[in-house]
Amino acid sequence: MKTILVTGCAGFIGSNFVPYFLNKYPDVRLINLDLLTYAGDMANLSDAPQNERHIFVQGDICDRPLVESLFSQYDIRGVIHFAAESHVDNSIKNPGVFVQTNVNGSFILIDVAYKSWMDKPFVTKEGFEGCRFHHISTDEVYGTLGETGLFTEETSYAPNSPYSASKAGSDMIVRSYHHTYGMNTVITNCSNNYGPKQHDEKLIPTVIRKALAGENIPVYGDGKNIRDWLYVLDHCKGIDLVYHNGRSGEVYNIGGRNERNNNQIVERICTLLDEIAPRKDKQSYSTLISYVEDRAGHDRRYAIDATKLETELGWRAQETFDTGIVKTVEWYLKKYIK
């Protein structure tokens, strides 16, 4: 049975990935390393098996002795690295935490993997030839777009927040271990994920939670910031494809081709809630929308060109935003309405 180390999988994307991956690959064991910060929640893993094929370890990717012990104890033959500090607002308030986790933590992981799998640069240990390090990143490393154009794998990095800068730094570390040491690495940069299990602080859960509570729904600035929205399970399937079939050393962008601005997102959620869980006073939830001071350094538009992933590996997003947002709202209604 092959053993893969996954990191940060009590969080949003990872906790969707774990049950999907274990169900698809019955011959794989996952060692799930998560610090359980505010962003991680064991309840997110309630639908994942808790047995010999899924072993949860609470710990820090920055704890090198712990990481080394996991590689040794479980004979780790692959890494899929989700763990990251990811909330932009928090990175503005406390950037040092983001550098420590996203940059130093990623360095420790890939350096331990290198020393475990390789004898020296470009010489893999016998029996470790198939080991791969997959780093999960973000489209925010590319900066911001104008009214037209898309991010491709060739787009120059231009991060504009401490969060995106720290992710760009981790991407560069992974890239360097491929080019300097010959490690088998892949990087995926995704657009905005949405779906079940996302942390309450993020836009879509916030809109639903505030609306149901009858509170003002906060929207940054003029609400015209545009993102490409990717349903989380589609992202998980893209990660799976790249981990198994992507070319070593390559970057693959994963995007939903679902551009929406924040006003459109909020209005759509309010309309769905009006239909599914109408207010007692019969007013629309949209009357609760309230515009607040914009976030510092708020990028105007992100949009990903996923052509490389689609043409090389045959990936397609199966959810449109209209289908995915219905599933998402229904999931959060069950969470927030007791």
Protein backbone atom coordinates (compact mmCIF):
# COMPACT_ATOMS: atom_id res chain seq x y z
CA MET A 1 0.00 0.00 0.00
CA LYS A 2 1.43 3.37 -1.05
CA THR A 3 1.56 6.06 1.64
CA ILE A 4 1.14 9.74 0.83
CA LEU A 5 1.56 12.63 3.24
CA VAL A 6 -1.17 15.25 2.89
CA THR A 7 -0.94 18.50 4.82
CA GLY A 8 -3.61 20.89 6.03
CA CYS A 9 -6.43 18.48 5.29
CA ALA A 10 -8.65 19.46 8.18
CA GLY A 11 -9.16 22.70 6.26
CA PHE A 12 -11.52 23.50 3.43
CA ILE A 13 -9.99 22.07 0.24
CA GLY A 14 -8.04 19.26 1.89
CA SER A 15 -11.03 17.92 3.81
CA ASN A 16 -12.95 17.65 0.54
CA PHE A 17 -9.94 15.99 -1.10
CA VAL A 18 -9.35 13.27 1.51
CA PRO A 19 -12.65 11.34 1.22
CA TYR A 20 -12.66 11.75 -2.58
CA PHE A 21 -9.11 10.41 -2.90
CA LEU A 22 -9.50 7.52 -0.45
CA ASN A 23 -12.71 6.38 -2.10
CA LYS A 24 -11.08 6.45 -5.53
CA TYR A 25 -7.81 4.74 -4.54
CA PRO A 26 -8.37 1.80 -2.15
CA ASP A 27 -4.65 0.91 -2.29
CA VAL A 28 -3.50 4.28 -0.87
CA ARG A 29 -2.95 5.34 2.73
CA LEU A 30 -3.00 9.04 3.68
CA ILE A 31 -1.08 10.51 6.61
CA ASN A 32 -2.94 13.74 7.33
CA LEU A 33 -0.77 16.35 9.07
CA ASP A 34 -2.65 19.42 10.31
CA LEU A 35 -1.93 21.89 13.11
CA LEU A 36 -5.65 22.51 13.70
CA THR A 37 -5.37 26.28 13.77
CA TYR A 38 -8.60 28.30 13.55
CA ALA A 39 -8.87 27.22 9.88
CA GLY A 40 -8.78 23.49 10.62
CA ASP A 41 -11.66 21.54 12.11
CA MET A 42 -11.88 17.80 12.75
CA ALA A 43 -15.60 18.03 12.01
CA ASN A 44 -14.60 18.63 8.38
CA LEU A 45 -13.26 15.06 8.31
CA SER A 46 -16.42 13.42 9.64
CA ASP A 47 -17.09 11.95 6.18
CA ALA A 48 -13.54 10.61 5.82
CA PRO A 49 -12.62 7.14 7.10
CA GLN A 50 -10.79 7.09 10.41
CA ASN A 51 -8.83 3.88 10.03
CA GLU A 52 -5.47 2.48 8.97
CA ARG A 53 -5.86 4.13 5.54
CA HIS A 54 -6.34 7.61 7.00
CA ILE A 55 -4.13 8.49 9.94
CA PHE A 56 -4.54 11.97 11.39
CA VAL A 57 -1.54 13.63 13.05
CA GLN A 58 -1.91 16.98 14.77
CA GLY A 59 1.28 18.90 14.22
CA ASP A 60 3.10 21.72 12.47
CA ILE A 61 4.73 21.50 9.04
CA CYS A 62 7.40 23.83 10.52
CA ASP A 63 8.35 21.14 13.06
CA ARG A 64 11.18 19.48 11.18
CA PRO A 65 11.77 16.59 13.64
CA LEU A 66 8.07 15.72 13.42
CA VAL A 67 8.07 15.79 9.62
CA GLU A 68 11.21 13.65 9.53
CA SER A 69 9.66 11.15 11.91
CA LEU A 70 6.55 10.83 9.73
CA PHE A 71 8.64 10.13 6.63
CA SER A 72 10.59 7.49 8.53
CA GLN A 73 7.71 5.85 10.42
CA TYR A 74 5.27 5.65 7.52
CA ASP A 75 7.63 5.32 4.54
CA ILE A 76 6.15 8.35 2.79
CA ARG A 77 6.27 8.02 -1.01
CA GLY A 78 4.43 11.18 -2.02
CA VAL A 79 3.40 14.59 -0.67
CA ILE A 80 0.32 16.63 -1.55
CA HIS A 81 0.83 19.92 0.25
CA PHE A 82 -2.34 21.93 1.02
CA ALA A 83 -1.34 23.48 4.36
CA ALA A 84 -1.16 27.26 4.27
CA GLU A 85 -2.26 30.40 5.98
CA SER A 86 -4.71 31.71 3.39
CA HIS A 87 -6.90 34.57 4.63
CA VAL A 88 -5.73 37.82 3.00
CA ASP A 89 -7.11 40.08 5.74
CA ASN A 90 -5.17 38.12 8.36
CA SER A 91 -1.98 38.41 6.30
CA ILE A 92 -2.33 42.19 6.33
CA LYS A 93 -2.61 42.19 10.13
CA ASN A 94 0.09 39.59 10.85
CA PRO A 95 2.29 38.87 7.83
CA GLY A 96 5.01 37.09 9.82
CA VAL A 97 2.79 34.08 10.46
CA PHE A 98 2.23 33.72 6.71
CA VAL A 99 5.93 33.81 5.93
CA GLN A 100 6.64 31.25 8.65
CA THR A 101 3.98 28.74 7.59
CA ASN A 102 3.81 29.23 3.85
CA VAL A 103 7.50 29.76 3.11
CA ASN A 104 9.43 28.06 5.91
CA GLY A 105 6.92 25.24 6.30
CA SER A 106 6.98 24.45 2.59
CA PHE A 107 10.78 24.51 2.62
CA ILE A 108 10.94 22.03 5.50
CA LEU A 109 8.50 19.66 3.80
CA ILE A 110 10.27 19.57 0.47
CA ASP A 111 13.75 19.46 2.02
CA VAL A 112 12.81 16.45 4.17
CA ALA A 113 11.24 14.81 1.11
CA TYR A 114 14.42 15.42 -0.89
CA LYS A 115 16.64 13.87 1.76
CA SER A 116 14.26 10.93 2.14
CA TRP A 117 13.88 10.12 -1.55
CA MET A 118 17.21 11.13 -3.14
CA ASP A 119 20.89 10.30 -2.54
CA LYS A 120 22.11 13.50 -4.15
CA PRO A 121 21.00 15.94 -6.87
CA PHE A 122 19.39 14.06 -9.78
CA VAL A 123 20.03 10.66 -8.18
CA THR A 124 16.92 9.04 -6.71
CA LYS A 125 17.27 6.33 -4.10
CA GLU A 126 16.55 2.84 -5.36
CA GLY A 127 12.85 2.09 -5.00
CA PHE A 128 11.86 5.75 -4.63
CA GLU A 129 11.67 6.55 -8.34
CA GLY A 130 7.94 7.30 -8.36
CA CYS A 131 7.88 9.71 -5.42
CA ARG A 132 6.34 13.11 -6.17
CA PHE A 133 5.90 16.42 -4.33
CA HIS A 134 2.71 18.27 -5.32
CA HIS A 135 2.42 21.86 -4.11
CA ILE A 136 -1.02 23.50 -4.02
CA SER A 137 -0.88 27.22 -4.74
CA THR A 138 -3.13 30.08 -5.82
CA ASP A 139 -3.82 32.41 -8.74
CA GLU A 140 -3.13 35.34 -6.41
CA VAL A 141 0.61 34.94 -7.01
CA TYR A 142 0.04 36.46 -10.45
CA GLY A 143 -1.26 39.76 -9.08
CA THR A 144 -4.22 41.46 -10.69
CA LEU A 145 -5.68 41.61 -14.19
CA GLY A 146 -7.26 44.42 -16.16
CA GLU A 147 -10.69 44.13 -17.73
CA THR A 148 -9.45 41.51 -20.22
CA GLY A 149 -6.96 38.67 -20.34
CA LEU A 150 -6.37 35.53 -18.31
CA PHE A 151 -3.61 34.15 -16.09
CA THR A 152 -1.63 31.39 -17.80
CA GLU A 153 1.27 29.29 -16.54
CA GLU A 154 3.57 31.79 -18.28
CA THR A 155 2.21 34.86 -16.49
CA SER A 156 4.87 36.67 -14.46
CA TYR A 157 4.47 36.62 -10.70
CA ALA A 158 3.37 39.94 -9.18
CA PRO A 159 1.90 39.24 -5.72
CA ASN A 160 0.21 42.19 -4.06
CA SER A 161 -0.55 40.99 -0.50
CA PRO A 162 1.58 39.37 2.20
CA TYR A 163 -0.49 36.20 1.65
CA SER A 164 0.15 36.01 -2.08
CA ALA A 165 3.79 36.98 -1.62
CA SER A 166 4.27 34.12 0.84
CA LYS A 167 2.62 31.69 -1.58
CA ALA A 168 4.81 32.96 -4.40
CA GLY A 169 7.83 32.35 -2.20
CA SER A 170 6.77 28.76 -1.55
CA ASP A 171 6.20 28.21 -5.28
CA MET A 172 9.73 29.39 -6.00
CA ILE A 173 11.19 27.04 -3.38
CA VAL A 174 9.42 24.06 -4.95
CA ARG A 175 10.54 25.16 -8.42
CA SER A 176 14.14 25.43 -7.21
CA TYR A 177 14.15 21.87 -5.84
CA HIS A 178 13.12 20.58 -9.25
CA HIS A 179 15.73 22.55 -11.16
CA THR A 180 18.60 22.30 -8.65
CA TYR A 181 18.09 18.79 -7.29
CA GLY A 182 16.02 17.07 -9.95
CA MET A 183 13.08 16.42 -7.65
CA ASN A 184 9.83 15.19 -9.14
CA THR A 185 7.57 18.17 -8.40
CA VAL A 186 4.35 19.68 -9.73
CA ILE A 187 2.58 22.90 -8.79
CA THR A 188 -1.08 23.75 -9.25
CA ASN A 189 -2.40 27.31 -9.04
CA CYS A 190 -6.14 27.49 -8.51
CA SER A 191 -8.78 30.19 -8.71
CA ASN A 192 -11.25 31.01 -5.91
CA ASN A 193 -12.69 27.81 -4.48
CA TYR A 194 -16.18 27.54 -3.05
CA GLY A 195 -18.33 24.70 -1.74
CA PRO A 196 -18.94 22.71 1.45
CA LYS A 197 -16.68 23.05 4.49
CA GLN A 198 -15.25 26.48 3.69
CA HIS A 199 -14.33 28.56 6.75
CA ASP A 200 -16.98 30.95 8.00
CA GLU A 201 -14.73 33.97 7.37
CA LYS A 202 -14.81 33.58 3.57
CA LEU A 203 -17.20 35.50 1.32
CA ILE A 204 -19.85 32.91 0.47
CA PRO A 205 -20.25 31.43 3.98
CA THR A 206 -20.28 34.97 5.40
CA VAL A 207 -23.09 36.04 3.09
CA ILE A 208 -25.20 33.00 3.98
CA ARG A 209 -24.51 33.22 7.71
CA LYS A 210 -25.17 36.95 7.98
CA ALA A 211 -28.31 36.73 5.86
CA LEU A 212 -29.84 33.94 7.94
CA ALA A 213 -29.05 35.89 11.11
CA GLY A 214 -30.74 39.01 9.74
CA GLU A 215 -27.47 40.95 9.96
CA ASN A 216 -25.90 43.32 7.45
CA ILE A 217 -24.11 41.46 4.64
CA PRO A 218 -20.72 43.21 4.23
CA VAL A 219 -19.36 43.78 0.72
CA TYR A 220 -15.93 45.35 0.25
CA GLY A 221 -15.70 48.61 -1.71
CA ASP A 222 -18.06 48.81 -4.69
CA GLY A 223 -18.44 45.02 -4.95
CA LYS A 224 -17.05 44.95 -8.48
CA ASN A 225 -13.91 42.89 -7.73
CA ILE A 226 -14.00 39.89 -10.06
CA ARG A 227 -12.92 36.31 -9.30
CA ASP A 228 -13.00 33.06 -11.24
CA TRP A 229 -15.02 30.64 -9.09
CA LEU A 230 -14.09 26.95 -8.93
CA TYR A 231 -16.22 24.33 -7.18
CA VAL A 232 -14.03 22.57 -4.63
CA LEU A 233 -14.64 19.00 -5.86
CA ASP A 234 -13.66 20.04 -9.39
CA HIS A 235 -10.44 21.36 -7.89
CA CYS A 236 -9.86 18.06 -6.07
CA LYS A 237 -10.26 16.14 -9.32
CA GLY A 238 -7.76 18.45 -11.01
CA ILE A 239 -5.23 17.89 -8.22
CA ASP A 240 -5.70 14.14 -8.60
CA LEU A 241 -5.00 14.31 -12.34
CA VAL A 242 -1.91 16.48 -11.97
CA TYR A 243 -0.49 14.41 -9.11
CA HIS A 244 -0.77 11.20 -11.10
CA ASN A 245 -0.27 12.35 -14.68
CA GLY A 246 1.25 15.84 -14.75
CA ARG A 247 4.71 16.34 -16.21
CA SER A 248 7.48 16.69 -13.64
CA GLY A 249 8.55 20.28 -13.03
CA GLU A 250 5.43 21.72 -14.60
CA VAL A 251 2.83 24.18 -13.34
CA TYR A 252 -0.88 23.65 -14.07
CA ASN A 253 -3.54 26.30 -13.55
CA ILE A 254 -6.96 25.11 -12.38
CA GLY A 255 -9.87 27.49 -12.96
CA GLY A 256 -13.61 27.19 -13.30
CA ARG A 257 -14.17 29.64 -16.19
CA ASN A 258 -16.84 31.18 -13.97
CA GLU A 259 -16.04 34.86 -13.62
CA ARG A 260 -18.33 36.75 -11.27
CA ASN A 261 -17.96 39.97 -9.34
CA ASN A 262 -18.80 40.11 -5.65
CA ASN A 263 -22.09 41.91 -6.29
CA GLN A 264 -23.23 39.08 -8.55
CA ILE A 265 -22.21 36.45 -5.98
CA VAL A 266 -24.06 38.15 -3.16
CA GLU A 267 -27.18 38.84 -5.22
CA ARG A 268 -27.34 35.24 -6.43
CA ILE A 269 -27.06 33.88 -2.90
CA CYS A 270 -29.75 36.26 -1.68
CA THR A 271 -32.06 35.15 -4.49
CA LEU A 272 -31.51 31.48 -3.66
CA LEU A 273 -32.14 32.11 0.03
CA ASP A 274 -35.33 34.02 -0.84
CA GLU A 275 -36.52 30.88 -2.62
CA ILE A 276 -35.27 28.19 -0.23
CA ALA A 277 -35.44 29.86 3.20
CA PRO A 278 -37.49 33.07 2.91
CA ARG A 279 -37.43 35.68 5.67
CA LYS A 280 -40.39 35.82 8.02
CA ASP A 281 -41.02 39.45 7.06
CA LYS A 282 -41.13 38.42 3.36
CA GLN A 283 -38.44 40.97 2.45
CA SER A 284 -35.55 39.95 0.21
CA TYR A 285 -32.24 39.15 1.86
CA SER A 286 -30.72 41.63 -0.60
CA THR A 287 -32.00 44.49 1.60
CA LEU A 288 -29.29 43.46 4.09
CA ILE A 289 -26.41 44.16 1.69
CA SER A 290 -24.07 46.79 3.12
CA TYR A 291 -20.97 48.22 1.46
CA VAL A 292 -17.93 48.58 3.73
CA GLU A 293 -14.45 50.08 3.45
CA ASP A 294 -12.40 48.20 0.87
CA ARG A 295 -9.60 45.85 1.88
CA ALA A 296 -6.08 47.26 1.60
CA GLY A 297 -4.42 46.23 -1.68
CA HIS A 298 -7.58 44.52 -2.93
CA ASP A 299 -6.82 43.03 -6.36
CA ARG A 300 -9.46 43.95 -8.93
CA ARG A 301 -9.73 40.86 -11.09
CA TYR A 302 -8.42 37.28 -11.26
CA ALA A 303 -9.22 34.82 -14.04
CA ILE A 304 -7.45 31.60 -14.98
CA ASP A 305 -6.84 30.00 -18.35
CA ALA A 306 -7.02 26.24 -17.66
CA THR A 307 -6.28 25.25 -21.27
CA LYS A 308 -3.04 23.43 -20.40
CA LEU A 309 -4.77 21.18 -17.86
CA GLU A 310 -7.71 20.63 -20.17
CA THR A 311 -5.67 19.72 -23.25
CA GLU A 312 -2.84 17.75 -21.62
CA LEU A 313 -4.79 15.83 -18.98
CA GLY A 314 -8.41 16.04 -20.13
CA TRP A 315 -9.71 17.89 -17.07
CA ARG A 316 -13.01 19.74 -17.22
CA ALA A 317 -14.90 21.57 -14.50
CA GLN A 318 -18.12 19.62 -14.04
CA GLU A 319 -19.94 22.31 -12.09
CA THR A 320 -20.99 25.66 -13.50
CA PHE A 321 -21.36 28.42 -10.95
CA ASP A 322 -25.14 28.13 -11.19
CA THR A 323 -25.11 24.43 -10.28
CA GLY A 324 -22.32 24.65 -7.72
CA ILE A 325 -23.75 27.56 -5.79
CA VAL A 326 -27.05 25.72 -5.27
CA LYS A 327 -25.22 22.75 -3.75
CA THR A 328 -23.17 25.12 -1.63
CA VAL A 329 -26.12 27.10 -0.26
CA GLU A 330 -28.00 23.90 0.54
CA TRP A 331 -24.99 22.55 2.48
CA TYR A 332 -24.64 25.73 4.56
CA LEU A 333 -28.36 25.86 5.30
CA LYS A 334 -27.99 22.47 7.00
CA LYS A 335 -25.00 23.82 8.94
CA TYR A 336 -26.46 27.14 10.05
CA ILE A 337 -30.12 26.22 10.59
CA LYS A 338 -30.36 23.94 13.59
